């Protein structure tokens, strides 16, 4: 039985500084075009597993007992997938353009557990 997994794309300013900042504008443009193409190829390859292509993530609000405040994190995007196992889900992201082409750091694969029901 397939399970759902949330793939969370991680990117830090440090990674962008190391991987992206040294590039010329022409190289950044070319890399962006290559990355978009390769990301599309990745999505086609795993189309049967992708349940929500997701989207880039923007600014973050933190809500807690003290109210609402602005905050920062390293989350840059997400994709919702299905796979037979956690390992199978993770293997889909080996060599992903997020960190091979773009200045992303990694992709975290989180298992989506079923909502507990009463007794």
PDB file of N, CA and C in Angstrom:
ATOM      1  N   UNK A   1       0.842  -1.180   0.000  1.00  0.00           N
ATOM      2  CA  UNK A   1       0.000   0.000   0.000  1.00  0.00           C
ATOM      3  C   UNK A   1       0.890   1.248   0.000  1.00  0.00           C
ATOM      4  N   UNK A   2       0.581   2.152  -0.890  1.00  0.00           N
ATOM      5  CA  UNK A   2       1.363   3.375  -0.961  1.00  0.00           C
ATOM      6  C   UNK A   2       1.029   4.291   0.208  1.00  0.00           C
ATOM      7  N   UNK A   3       2.053   4.993   0.668  1.00  0.00           N
ATOM      8  CA  UNK A   3       1.912   5.973   1.744  1.00  0.00           C
ATOM      9  C   UNK A   3       2.248   7.348   1.192  1.00  0.00           C
ATOM     10  N   UNK A   4       1.766   8.368   1.887  1.00  0.00           N
ATOM     11  CA  UNK A   4       2.049   9.743   1.478  1.00  0.00           C
ATOM     12  C   UNK A   4       3.292  10.254   2.191  1.00  0.00           C
ATOM     13  N   UNK A   5       4.038  11.076   1.454  1.00  0.00           N
ATOM     14  CA  UNK A   5       5.250  11.701   1.979  1.00  0.00           C
ATOM     15  C   UNK A   5       5.294  13.153   1.533  1.00  0.00           C
ATOM     16  N   UNK A   6       5.739  13.983   2.442  1.00  0.00           N
ATOM     17  CA  UNK A   6       5.929  15.391   2.138  1.00  0.00           C
ATOM     18  C   UNK A   6       7.414  15.630   1.911  1.00  0.00           C
ATOM     19  N   UNK A   7       7.756  16.062   0.710  1.00  0.00           N
ATOM     20  CA  UNK A   7       9.142  16.412   0.407  1.00  0.00           C
ATOM     21  C   UNK A   7       9.272  17.917   0.621  1.00  0.00           C
ATOM     22  N   UNK A   8      10.179  18.301   1.517  1.00  0.00           N
ATOM     23  CA  UNK A   8      10.387  19.701   1.836  1.00  0.00           C
ATOM     24  C   UNK A   8      11.772  20.105   1.336  1.00  0.00           C
ATOM     25  N   UNK A   9      11.794  21.094   0.468  1.00  0.00           N
ATOM     26  CA  UNK A   9      13.045  21.581  -0.091  1.00  0.00           C
ATOM     27  C   UNK A   9      13.675  22.576   0.887  1.00  0.00           C
ATOM     28  N   UNK A  10      14.962  22.375   1.182  1.00  0.00           N
ATOM     29  CA  UNK A  10      15.689  23.185   2.151  1.00  0.00           C
ATOM     30  C   UNK A  10      16.758  23.998   1.423  1.00  0.00           C
ATOM     31  N   UNK A  11      16.860  25.261   1.784  1.00  0.00           N
ATOM     32  CA  UNK A  11      17.894  26.116   1.213  1.00  0.00           C
ATOM     33  C   UNK A  11      18.267  27.211   2.195  1.00  0.00           C
ATOM     34  N   UNK A  12      19.533  27.358   2.446  1.00  0.00           N
ATOM     35  CA  UNK A  12      20.004  28.376   3.377  1.00  0.00           C
ATOM     36  C   UNK A  12      20.711  29.498   2.622  1.00  0.00           C
ATOM     37  N   UNK A  13      20.762  30.679   3.196  1.00  0.00           N
ATOM     38  CA  UNK A  13      21.519  31.758   2.560  1.00  0.00           C
ATOM     39  C   UNK A  13      22.976  31.370   2.328  1.00  0.00           C
ATOM     40  N   UNK A  14      23.546  30.586   3.226  1.00  0.00           N
ATOM     41  CA  UNK A  14      24.933  30.149   3.078  1.00  0.00           C
ATOM     42  C   UNK A  14      25.124  29.337   1.796  1.00  0.00           C
ATOM     43  N   UNK A  15      24.182  28.467   1.505  1.00  0.00           N
ATOM     44  CA  UNK A  15      24.269  27.662   0.287  1.00  0.00           C
ATOM     45  C   UNK A  15      24.171  28.544  -0.948  1.00  0.00           C
ATOM     46  N   UNK A  16      23.231  29.476  -0.921  1.00  0.00           N
ATOM     47  CA  UNK A  16      23.084  30.384  -2.062  1.00  0.00           C
ATOM     48  C   UNK A  16      24.353  31.216  -2.251  1.00  0.00           C
ATOM     49  N   UNK A  17      24.939  31.662  -1.150  1.00  0.00           N
ATOM     50  CA  UNK A  17      26.174  32.447  -1.235  1.00  0.00           C
ATOM     51  C   UNK A  17      27.295  31.631  -1.867  1.00  0.00           C
ATOM     52  N   UNK A  18      27.388  30.365  -1.505  1.00  0.00           N
ATOM     53  CA  UNK A  18      28.470  29.519  -2.019  1.00  0.00           C
ATOM     54  C   UNK A  18      28.221  29.058  -3.455  1.00  0.00           C
ATOM     55  N   UNK A  19      26.972  28.668  -3.751  1.00  0.00           N
ATOM     56  CA  UNK A  19      26.681  28.045  -5.042  1.00  0.00           C
ATOM     57  C   UNK A  19      26.217  29.028  -6.115  1.00  0.00           C
ATOM     58  N   UNK A  20      25.581  30.123  -5.733  1.00  0.00           N
ATOM     59  CA  UNK A  20      24.909  30.975  -6.703  1.00  0.00           C
ATOM     60  C   UNK A  20      25.598  32.327  -6.866  1.00  0.00           C
ATOM     61  N   UNK A  21      25.999  32.934  -5.752  1.00  0.00           N
ATOM     62  CA  UNK A  21      26.568  34.277  -5.792  1.00  0.00           C
ATOM     63  C   UNK A  21      27.808  34.390  -6.694  1.00  0.00           C
ATOM     64  N   UNK A  22      28.693  33.397  -6.718  1.00  0.00           N
ATOM     65  CA  UNK A  22      29.898  33.535  -7.551  1.00  0.00           C
ATOM     66  C   UNK A  22      29.622  33.488  -9.061  1.00  0.00           C
ATOM     67  N   UNK A  23      28.440  33.056  -9.464  1.00  0.00           N
ATOM     68  CA  UNK A  23      28.133  32.913 -10.892  1.00  0.00           C
ATOM     69  C   UNK A  23      27.865  34.262 -11.545  1.00  0.00           C
ATOM     70  N   UNK A  24      28.211  34.370 -12.809  1.00  0.00           N
ATOM     71  CA  UNK A  24      27.867  35.567 -13.584  1.00  0.00           C
ATOM     72  C   UNK A  24      26.362  35.560 -13.843  1.00  0.00           C
ATOM     73  N   UNK A  25      25.837  36.692 -14.235  1.00  0.00           N
ATOM     74  CA  UNK A  25      24.399  36.769 -14.535  1.00  0.00           C
ATOM     75  C   UNK A  25      24.034  35.825 -15.679  1.00  0.00           C
ATOM     76  N   UNK A  26      24.903  35.718 -16.666  1.00  0.00           N
ATOM     77  CA  UNK A  26      24.654  34.808 -17.797  1.00  0.00           C
ATOM     78  C   UNK A  26      24.636  33.355 -17.321  1.00  0.00           C
ATOM     79  N   UNK A  27      25.569  33.011 -16.438  1.00  0.00           N
ATOM     80  CA  UNK A  27      25.604  31.644 -15.903  1.00  0.00           C
ATOM     81  C   UNK A  27      24.373  31.353 -15.046  1.00  0.00           C
ATOM     82  N   UNK A  28      23.938  32.322 -14.260  1.00  0.00           N
ATOM     83  CA  UNK A  28      22.725  32.146 -13.446  1.00  0.00           C
ATOM     84  C   UNK A  28      21.513  31.916 -14.344  1.00  0.00           C
ATOM     85  N   UNK A  29      21.422  32.698 -15.418  1.00  0.00           N
ATOM     86  CA  UNK A  29      20.302  32.558 -16.345  1.00  0.00           C
ATOM     87  C   UNK A  29      20.319  31.174 -16.992  1.00  0.00           C
ATOM     88  N   UNK A  30      21.484  30.744 -17.452  1.00  0.00           N
ATOM     89  CA  UNK A  30      21.608  29.428 -18.087  1.00  0.00           C
ATOM     90  C   UNK A  30      21.282  28.319 -17.089  1.00  0.00           C
ATOM     91  N   UNK A  31      21.802  28.443 -15.896  1.00  0.00           N
ATOM     92  CA  UNK A  31      21.561  27.432 -14.868  1.00  0.00           C
ATOM     93  C   UNK A  31      20.076  27.368 -14.501  1.00  0.00           C
ATOM     94  N   UNK A  32      19.431  28.519 -14.439  1.00  0.00           N
ATOM     95  CA  UNK A  32      17.997  28.561 -14.157  1.00  0.00           C
ATOM     96  C   UNK A  32      17.227  27.833 -15.255  1.00  0.00           C
ATOM     97  N   UNK A  33      17.551  28.106 -16.513  1.00  0.00           N
ATOM     98  CA  UNK A  33      16.883  27.429 -17.627  1.00  0.00           C
ATOM     99  C   UNK A  33      17.119  25.918 -17.573  1.00  0.00           C
ATOM    100  N   UNK A  34      18.368  25.519 -17.313  1.00  0.00           N
ATOM    101  CA  UNK A  34      18.692  24.091 -17.209  1.00  0.00           C
ATOM    102  C   UNK A  34      17.939  23.459 -16.041  1.00  0.00           C
ATOM    103  N   UNK A  35      17.903  24.162 -14.922  1.00  0.00           N
ATOM    104  CA  UNK A  35      17.232  23.635 -13.735  1.00  0.00           C
ATOM    105  C   UNK A  35      15.739  23.445 -13.940  1.00  0.00           C
ATOM    106  N   UNK A  36      15.104  24.414 -14.580  1.00  0.00           N
ATOM    107  CA  UNK A  36      13.665  24.308 -14.851  1.00  0.00           C
ATOM    108  C   UNK A  36      13.388  23.120 -15.766  1.00  0.00           C
ATOM    109  N   UNK A  37      14.223  22.957 -16.789  1.00  0.00           N
ATOM    110  CA  UNK A  37      14.061  21.828 -17.708  1.00  0.00           C
ATOM    111  C   UNK A  37      14.235  20.490 -16.975  1.00  0.00           C
ATOM    112  N   UNK A  38      15.307  20.389 -16.184  1.00  0.00           N
ATOM    113  CA  UNK A  38      15.574  19.144 -15.457  1.00  0.00           C
ATOM    114  C   UNK A  38      14.524  18.861 -14.392  1.00  0.00           C
ATOM    115  N   UNK A  39      14.015  19.907 -13.747  1.00  0.00           N
ATOM    116  CA  UNK A  39      12.950  19.722 -12.756  1.00  0.00           C
ATOM    117  C   UNK A  39      11.703  19.173 -13.452  1.00  0.00           C
ATOM    118  N   UNK A  40      11.403  19.690 -14.634  1.00  0.00           N
ATOM    119  CA  UNK A  40      10.269  19.183 -15.407  1.00  0.00           C
ATOM    120  C   UNK A  40      10.452  17.728 -15.798  1.00  0.00           C
ATOM    121  N   UNK A  41      11.677  17.363 -16.188  1.00  0.00           N
ATOM    122  CA  UNK A  41      11.964  15.968 -16.521  1.00  0.00           C
ATOM    123  C   UNK A  41      11.813  15.080 -15.291  1.00  0.00           C
ATOM    124  N   UNK A  42      12.273  15.570 -14.135  1.00  0.00           N
ATOM    125  CA  UNK A  42      12.115  14.816 -12.887  1.00  0.00           C
ATOM    126  C   UNK A  42      10.624  14.616 -12.601  1.00  0.00           C
ATOM    127  N   UNK A  43       9.828  15.662 -12.755  1.00  0.00           N
ATOM    128  CA  UNK A  43       8.388  15.577 -12.493  1.00  0.00           C
ATOM    129  C   UNK A  43       7.704  14.598 -13.445  1.00  0.00           C
ATOM    130  N   UNK A  44       8.127  14.564 -14.692  1.00  0.00           N
ATOM    131  CA  UNK A  44       7.560  13.602 -15.646  1.00  0.00           C
ATOM    132  C   UNK A  44       7.925  12.179 -15.252  1.00  0.00           C
ATOM    133  N   UNK A  45       9.167  11.984 -14.855  1.00  0.00           N
ATOM    134  CA  UNK A  45       9.624  10.649 -14.473  1.00  0.00           C
ATOM    135  C   UNK A  45       8.813  10.093 -13.306  1.00  0.00           C
ATOM    136  N   UNK A  46       8.438  10.954 -12.370  1.00  0.00           N
ATOM    137  CA  UNK A  46       7.718  10.513 -11.166  1.00  0.00           C
ATOM    138  C   UNK A  46       6.262  10.976 -11.151  1.00  0.00           C
ATOM    139  N   UNK A  47       5.708  11.252 -12.307  1.00  0.00           N
ATOM    140  CA  UNK A  47       4.332  11.760 -12.396  1.00  0.00           C
ATOM    141  C   UNK A  47       3.329  10.870 -11.668  1.00  0.00           C
ATOM    142  N   UNK A  48       3.530   9.549 -11.742  1.00  0.00           N
ATOM    143  CA  UNK A  48       2.585   8.634 -11.092  1.00  0.00           C
ATOM    144  C   UNK A  48       2.686   8.712  -9.563  1.00  0.00           C
ATOM    145  N   UNK A  49       3.794   9.217  -9.044  1.00  0.00           N
ATOM    146  CA  UNK A  49       3.991   9.322  -7.594  1.00  0.00           C
ATOM    147  C   UNK A  49       3.630  10.696  -7.040  1.00  0.00           C
ATOM    148  N   UNK A  50       3.669  11.708  -7.884  1.00  0.00           N
ATOM    149  CA  UNK A  50       3.428  13.080  -7.420  1.00  0.00           C
ATOM    150  C   UNK A  50       1.932  13.317  -7.285  1.00  0.00           C
ATOM    151  N   UNK A  51       1.503  13.643  -6.073  1.00  0.00           N
ATOM    152  CA  UNK A  51       0.087  13.906  -5.803  1.00  0.00           C
ATOM    153  C   UNK A  51      -0.212  15.393  -5.772  1.00  0.00           C
ATOM    154  N   UNK A  52       0.790  16.201  -5.454  1.00  0.00           N
ATOM    155  CA  UNK A  52       0.686  17.655  -5.480  1.00  0.00           C
ATOM    156  C   UNK A  52       2.081  18.162  -5.810  1.00  0.00           C
ATOM    157  N   UNK A  53       2.235  18.787  -6.972  1.00  0.00           N
ATOM    158  CA  UNK A  53       3.544  19.280  -7.393  1.00  0.00           C
ATOM    159  C   UNK A  53       4.111  20.268  -6.387  1.00  0.00           C
ATOM    160  N   UNK A  54       3.226  20.894  -5.618  1.00  0.00           N
ATOM    161  CA  UNK A  54       3.686  21.833  -4.616  1.00  0.00           C
ATOM    162  C   UNK A  54       3.992  23.184  -5.208  1.00  0.00           C
ATOM    163  N   UNK A  55       4.855  23.924  -4.502  1.00  0.00           N
ATOM    164  CA  UNK A  55       5.170  25.288  -4.916  1.00  0.00           C
ATOM    165  C   UNK A  55       6.344  25.797  -4.099  1.00  0.00           C
ATOM    166  N   UNK A  56       6.955  26.886  -4.570  1.00  0.00           N
ATOM    167  CA  UNK A  56       7.951  27.546  -3.737  1.00  0.00           C
ATOM    168  C   UNK A  56       7.257  28.133  -2.500  1.00  0.00           C
ATOM    169  N   UNK A  57       8.008  28.287  -1.431  1.00  0.00           N
ATOM    170  CA  UNK A  57       7.474  28.861  -0.198  1.00  0.00           C
ATOM    171  C   UNK A  57       8.055  30.244   0.026  1.00  0.00           C
ATOM    172  N   UNK A  58       7.242  31.130   0.579  1.00  0.00           N
ATOM    173  CA  UNK A  58       7.668  32.509   0.809  1.00  0.00           C
ATOM    174  C   UNK A  58       7.853  32.820   2.279  1.00  0.00           C
ATOM    175  N   UNK A  59       7.545  34.054   2.628  1.00  0.00           N
ATOM    176  CA  UNK A  59       7.727  34.531   3.999  1.00  0.00           C
ATOM    177  C   UNK A  59       6.891  33.708   4.969  1.00  0.00           C
ATOM    178  N   UNK A  60       7.342  33.661   6.222  1.00  0.00           N
ATOM    179  CA  UNK A  60       6.749  32.800   7.234  1.00  0.00           C
ATOM    180  C   UNK A  60       6.234  33.602   8.421  1.00  0.00           C
ATOM    181  N   UNK A  61       5.081  33.215   8.919  1.00  0.00           N
ATOM    182  CA  UNK A  61       4.531  33.741  10.167  1.00  0.00           C
ATOM    183  C   UNK A  61       4.585  32.626  11.202  1.00  0.00           C
ATOM    184  N   UNK A  62       4.922  32.984  12.409  1.00  0.00           N
ATOM    185  CA  UNK A  62       4.941  32.057  13.538  1.00  0.00           C
ATOM    186  C   UNK A  62       3.742  32.367  14.423  1.00  0.00           C
ATOM    187  N   UNK A  63       2.974  31.348  14.747  1.00  0.00           N
ATOM    188  CA  UNK A  63       1.831  31.515  15.639  1.00  0.00           C
ATOM    189  C   UNK A  63       2.053  30.637  16.864  1.00  0.00           C
ATOM    190  N   UNK A  64       1.971  31.229  18.039  1.00  0.00           N
ATOM    191  CA  UNK A  64       2.091  30.471  19.286  1.00  0.00           C
ATOM    192  C   UNK A  64       1.282  31.172  20.374  1.00  0.00           C
ATOM    193  N   UNK A  65       1.455  30.755  21.606  1.00  0.00           N
ATOM    194  CA  UNK A  65       0.659  31.317  22.699  1.00  0.00           C
ATOM    195  C   UNK A  65       0.896  32.808  22.901  1.00  0.00           C
ATOM    196  N   UNK A  66       1.970  33.335  22.334  1.00  0.00           N
ATOM    197  CA  UNK A  66       2.256  34.768  22.440  1.00  0.00           C
ATOM    198  C   UNK A  66       1.669  35.577  21.294  1.00  0.00           C
ATOM    199  N   UNK A  67       1.041  34.898  20.338  1.00  0.00           N
ATOM    200  CA  UNK A  67       0.428  35.595  19.214  1.00  0.00           C
ATOM    201  C   UNK A  67       1.091  35.251  17.897  1.00  0.00           C
ATOM    202  N   UNK A  68       1.198  36.251  17.031  1.00  0.00           N
ATOM    203  CA  UNK A  68       1.720  36.083  15.671  1.00  0.00           C
ATOM    204  C   UNK A  68       2.955  36.955  15.515  1.00  0.00           C
ATOM    205  N   UNK A  69       3.986  36.383  14.902  1.00  0.00           N
ATOM    206  CA  UNK A  69       5.203  37.150  14.643  1.00  0.00           C
ATOM    207  C   UNK A  69       5.834  36.672  13.340  1.00  0.00           C
ATOM    208  N   UNK A  70       6.688  37.506  12.788  1.00  0.00           N
ATOM    209  CA  UNK A  70       7.462  37.112  11.611  1.00  0.00           C
ATOM    210  C   UNK A  70       8.595  36.197  12.067  1.00  0.00           C
ATOM    211  N   UNK A  71       8.959  35.250  11.225  1.00  0.00           N
ATOM    212  CA  UNK A  71      10.065  34.355  11.536  1.00  0.00           C
ATOM    213  C   UNK A  71      10.729  33.939  10.240  1.00  0.00           C
ATOM    214  N   UNK A  72      11.841  33.262  10.333  1.00  0.00           N
ATOM    215  CA  UNK A  72      12.553  32.753   9.157  1.00  0.00           C
ATOM    216  C   UNK A  72      12.856  31.283   9.364  1.00  0.00           C
ATOM    217  N   UNK A  73      12.926  30.558   8.268  1.00  0.00           N
ATOM    218  CA  UNK A  73      13.351  29.165   8.293  1.00  0.00           C
ATOM    219  C   UNK A  73      14.038  28.859   6.970  1.00  0.00           C
ATOM    220  N   UNK A  74      14.460  27.641   6.802  1.00  0.00           N
ATOM    221  CA  UNK A  74      15.180  27.242   5.589  1.00  0.00           C
ATOM    222  C   UNK A  74      14.279  26.527   4.583  1.00  0.00           C
ATOM    223  N   UNK A  75      12.966  26.545   4.790  1.00  0.00           N
ATOM    224  CA  UNK A  75      12.040  25.877   3.886  1.00  0.00           C
ATOM    225  C   UNK A  75      11.871  26.709   2.618  1.00  0.00           C
ATOM    226  N   UNK A  76      12.070  26.085   1.460  1.00  0.00           N
ATOM    227  CA  UNK A  76      11.970  26.834   0.206  1.00  0.00           C
ATOM    228  C   UNK A  76      10.862  26.324  -0.716  1.00  0.00           C
ATOM    229  N   UNK A  77      10.324  25.131  -0.445  1.00  0.00           N
ATOM    230  CA  UNK A  77       9.269  24.583  -1.282  1.00  0.00           C
ATOM    231  C   UNK A  77       8.852  23.216  -0.783  1.00  0.00           C
ATOM    232  N   UNK A  78       7.848  22.645  -1.456  1.00  0.00           N
ATOM    233  CA  UNK A  78       7.360  21.323  -1.061  1.00  0.00           C
ATOM    234  C   UNK A  78       6.770  20.591  -2.255  1.00  0.00           C
ATOM    235  N   UNK A  79       6.684  19.273  -2.144  1.00  0.00           N
ATOM    236  CA  UNK A  79       5.987  18.399  -3.079  1.00  0.00           C
ATOM    237  C   UNK A  79       5.379  17.266  -2.266  1.00  0.00           C
ATOM    238  N   UNK A  80       4.169  16.869  -2.577  1.00  0.00           N
ATOM    239  CA  UNK A  80       3.516  15.743  -1.908  1.00  0.00           C
ATOM    240  C   UNK A  80       3.554  14.548  -2.849  1.00  0.00           C
ATOM    241  N   UNK A  81       4.110  13.435  -2.367  1.00  0.00           N
ATOM    242  CA  UNK A  81       4.252  12.242  -3.195  1.00  0.00           C
ATOM    243  C   UNK A  81       3.672  11.017  -2.499  1.00  0.00           C
ATOM    244  N   UNK A  82       3.532   9.950  -3.264  1.00  0.00           N
ATOM    245  CA  UNK A  82       3.165   8.644  -2.719  1.00  0.00           C
ATOM    246  C   UNK A  82       4.237   7.647  -3.141  1.00  0.00           C
ATOM    247  N   UNK A  83       4.527   6.707  -2.241  1.00  0.00           N
ATOM    248  CA  UNK A  83       5.504   5.660  -2.533  1.00  0.00           C
ATOM    249  C   UNK A  83       5.212   4.457  -1.653  1.00  0.00           C
ATOM    250  N   UNK A  84       5.792   3.325  -2.024  1.00  0.00           N
ATOM    251  CA  UNK A  84       5.600   2.088  -1.264  1.00  0.00           C
ATOM    252  C   UNK A  84       6.322   2.128   0.080  1.00  0.00           C
ATOM    253  N   UNK A  85       7.424   2.905   0.161  1.00  0.00           N
ATOM    254  CA  UNK A  85       8.189   2.969   1.408  1.00  0.00           C
ATOM    255  C   UNK A  85       8.869   4.331   1.524  1.00  0.00           C
ATOM    256  N   UNK A  86       9.313   4.616   2.725  1.00  0.00           N
ATOM    257  CA  UNK A  86      10.042   5.858   2.976  1.00  0.00           C
ATOM    258  C   UNK A  86      11.325   5.885   2.147  1.00  0.00           C
ATOM    259  N   UNK A  87      12.008   4.764   2.094  1.00  0.00           N
ATOM    260  CA  UNK A  87      13.250   4.652   1.319  1.00  0.00           C
ATOM    261  C   UNK A  87      12.995   4.902  -0.164  1.00  0.00           C
ATOM    262  N   UNK A  88      11.917   4.310  -0.694  1.00  0.00           N
ATOM    263  CA  UNK A  88      11.569   4.520  -2.102  1.00  0.00           C
ATOM    264  C   UNK A  88      11.274   5.993  -2.354  1.00  0.00           C
ATOM    265  N   UNK A  89      10.571   6.615  -1.436  1.00  0.00           N
ATOM    266  CA  UNK A  89      10.263   8.042  -1.581  1.00  0.00           C
ATOM    267  C   UNK A  89      11.543   8.864  -1.600  1.00  0.00           C
ATOM    268  N   UNK A  90      12.452   8.565  -0.690  1.00  0.00           N
ATOM    269  CA  UNK A  90      13.706   9.316  -0.610  1.00  0.00           C
ATOM    270  C   UNK A  90      14.544   9.138  -1.877  1.00  0.00           C
ATOM    271  N   UNK A  91      14.566   7.945  -2.429  1.00  0.00           N
ATOM    272  CA  UNK A  91      15.372   7.674  -3.624  1.00  0.00           C
ATOM    273  C   UNK A  91      14.928   8.507  -4.828  1.00  0.00           C
ATOM    274  N   UNK A  92      13.668   8.930  -4.844  1.00  0.00           N
ATOM    275  CA  UNK A  92      13.180   9.760  -5.945  1.00  0.00           C
ATOM    276  C   UNK A  92      13.926  11.087  -6.017  1.00  0.00           C
ATOM    277  N   UNK A  93      14.514  11.502  -4.911  1.00  0.00           N
ATOM    278  CA  UNK A  93      15.131  12.824  -4.846  1.00  0.00           C
ATOM    279  C   UNK A  93      16.654  12.798  -4.944  1.00  0.00           C
ATOM    280  N   UNK A  94      17.237  11.617  -5.134  1.00  0.00           N
ATOM    281  CA  UNK A  94      18.680  11.557  -5.374  1.00  0.00           C
ATOM    282  C   UNK A  94      18.986  12.357  -6.641  1.00  0.00           C
ATOM    283  N   UNK A  95      19.982  13.175  -6.598  1.00  0.00           N
ATOM    284  CA  UNK A  95      20.388  13.984  -7.758  1.00  0.00           C
ATOM    285  C   UNK A  95      19.310  14.949  -8.247  1.00  0.00           C
ATOM    286  N   UNK A  96      18.418  15.381  -7.356  1.00  0.00           N
ATOM    287  CA  UNK A  96      17.348  16.312  -7.723  1.00  0.00           C
ATOM    288  C   UNK A  96      17.940  17.678  -8.092  1.00  0.00           C
ATOM    289  N   UNK A  97      17.364  18.368  -9.073  1.00  0.00           N
ATOM    290  CA  UNK A  97      17.878  19.677  -9.486  1.00  0.00           C
ATOM    291  C   UNK A  97      17.888  20.728  -8.367  1.00  0.00           C
ATOM    292  N   UNK A  98      17.077  20.531  -7.336  1.00  0.00           N
ATOM    293  CA  UNK A  98      17.035  21.506  -6.233  1.00  0.00           C
ATOM    294  C   UNK A  98      18.419  21.765  -5.662  1.00  0.00           C
ATOM    295  N   UNK A  99      19.225  20.722  -5.540  1.00  0.00           N
ATOM    296  CA  UNK A  99      20.569  20.905  -4.985  1.00  0.00           C
ATOM    297  C   UNK A  99      21.682  20.576  -5.977  1.00  0.00           C
ATOM    298  N   UNK A 100      21.350  19.986  -7.114  1.00  0.00           N
ATOM    299  CA  UNK A 100      22.375  19.694  -8.125  1.00  0.00           C
ATOM    300  C   UNK A 100      22.559  20.861  -9.096  1.00  0.00           C
ATOM    301  N   UNK A 101      21.500  21.605  -9.370  1.00  0.00           N
ATOM    302  CA  UNK A 101      21.559  22.729 -10.300  1.00  0.00           C
ATOM    303  C   UNK A 101      21.335  24.047  -9.561  1.00  0.00           C
ATOM    304  N   UNK A 102      20.259  24.101  -8.788  1.00  0.00           N
ATOM    305  CA  UNK A 102      19.935  25.301  -8.022  1.00  0.00           C
ATOM    306  C   UNK A 102      20.745  25.326  -6.728  1.00  0.00           C
ATOM    307  N   UNK A 103      20.732  26.426  -6.006  1.00  0.00           N
ATOM    308  CA  UNK A 103      21.556  26.511  -4.797  1.00  0.00           C
ATOM    309  C   UNK A 103      20.913  25.927  -3.545  1.00  0.00           C
ATOM    310  N   UNK A 104      19.985  25.006  -3.699  1.00  0.00           N
ATOM    311  CA  UNK A 104      19.373  24.379  -2.531  1.00  0.00           C
ATOM    312  C   UNK A 104      20.341  23.474  -1.795  1.00  0.00           C
ATOM    313  N   UNK A 105      20.053  23.241  -0.515  1.00  0.00           N
ATOM    314  CA  UNK A 105      20.910  22.390   0.318  1.00  0.00           C
ATOM    315  C   UNK A 105      20.514  20.923   0.248  1.00  0.00           C
ATOM    316  N   UNK A 106      19.207  20.657   0.363  1.00  0.00           N
ATOM    317  CA  UNK A 106      18.757  19.273   0.501  1.00  0.00           C
ATOM    318  C   UNK A 106      17.246  19.190   0.322  1.00  0.00           C
ATOM    319  N   UNK A 107      16.750  17.969   0.375  1.00  0.00           N
ATOM    320  CA  UNK A 107      15.315  17.710   0.379  1.00  0.00           C
ATOM    321  C   UNK A 107      15.049  16.755   1.536  1.00  0.00           C
ATOM    322  N   UNK A 108      14.142  17.142   2.427  1.00  0.00           N
ATOM    323  CA  UNK A 108      13.763  16.270   3.538  1.00  0.00           C
ATOM    324  C   UNK A 108      12.460  15.581   3.174  1.00  0.00           C
ATOM    325  N   UNK A 109      12.415  14.262   3.397  1.00  0.00           N
ATOM    326  CA  UNK A 109      11.241  13.468   3.073  1.00  0.00           C
ATOM    327  C   UNK A 109      10.582  13.060   4.383  1.00  0.00           C
ATOM    328  N   UNK A 110       9.366  13.549   4.603  1.00  0.00           N
ATOM    329  CA  UNK A 110       8.654  13.333   5.858  1.00  0.00           C
ATOM    330  C   UNK A 110       7.441  12.453   5.600  1.00  0.00           C
ATOM    331  N   UNK A 111       7.311  11.378   6.339  1.00  0.00           N
ATOM    332  CA  UNK A 111       6.142  10.512   6.198  1.00  0.00           C
ATOM    333  C   UNK A 111       4.917  11.203   6.752  1.00  0.00           C
ATOM    334  N   UNK A 112       3.815  11.182   6.002  1.00  0.00           N
ATOM    335  CA  UNK A 112       2.538  11.724   6.452  1.00  0.00           C
ATOM    336  C   UNK A 112       1.772  10.589   7.109  1.00  0.00           C
ATOM    337  N   UNK A 113       1.634  10.656   8.402  1.00  0.00           N
ATOM    338  CA  UNK A 113       0.982   9.577   9.163  1.00  0.00           C
ATOM    339  C   UNK A 113      -0.540   9.742   9.115  1.00  0.00           C
ATOM    340  N   UNK A 114      -1.258   8.631   9.249  1.00  0.00           N
ATOM    341  CA  UNK A 114      -2.720   8.737   9.290  1.00  0.00           C
ATOM    342  C   UNK A 114      -3.163   9.460  10.561  1.00  0.00           C
ATOM    343  N   UNK A 115      -4.276  10.146  10.463  1.00  0.00           N
ATOM    344  CA  UNK A 115      -4.832  10.818  11.626  1.00  0.00           C
ATOM    345  C   UNK A 115      -5.378   9.755  12.568  1.00  0.00           C
ATOM    346  N   UNK A 116      -4.969   9.796  13.840  1.00  0.00           N
ATOM    347  CA  UNK A 116      -5.462   8.802  14.803  1.00  0.00           C
ATOM    348  C   UNK A 116      -6.988   8.919  14.971  1.00  0.00           C
ATOM    349  N   UNK A 117      -7.589   7.787  15.137  1.00  0.00           N
ATOM    350  CA  UNK A 117      -9.034   7.760  15.396  1.00  0.00           C
ATOM    351  C   UNK A 117      -9.258   7.253  16.809  1.00  0.00           C
ATOM    352  N   UNK A 118     -10.452   7.426  17.292  1.00  0.00           N
ATOM    353  CA  UNK A 118     -10.790   6.992  18.647  1.00  0.00           C
ATOM    354  C   UNK A 118     -10.764   5.472  18.782  1.00  0.00           C
ATOM    355  N   UNK A 119     -10.981   5.004  19.993  1.00  0.00           N
ATOM    356  CA  UNK A 119     -10.921   3.544  20.267  1.00  0.00           C
ATOM    357  C   UNK A 119     -11.925   2.742  19.490  1.00  0.00           C
TER     358      UNK A 119
END
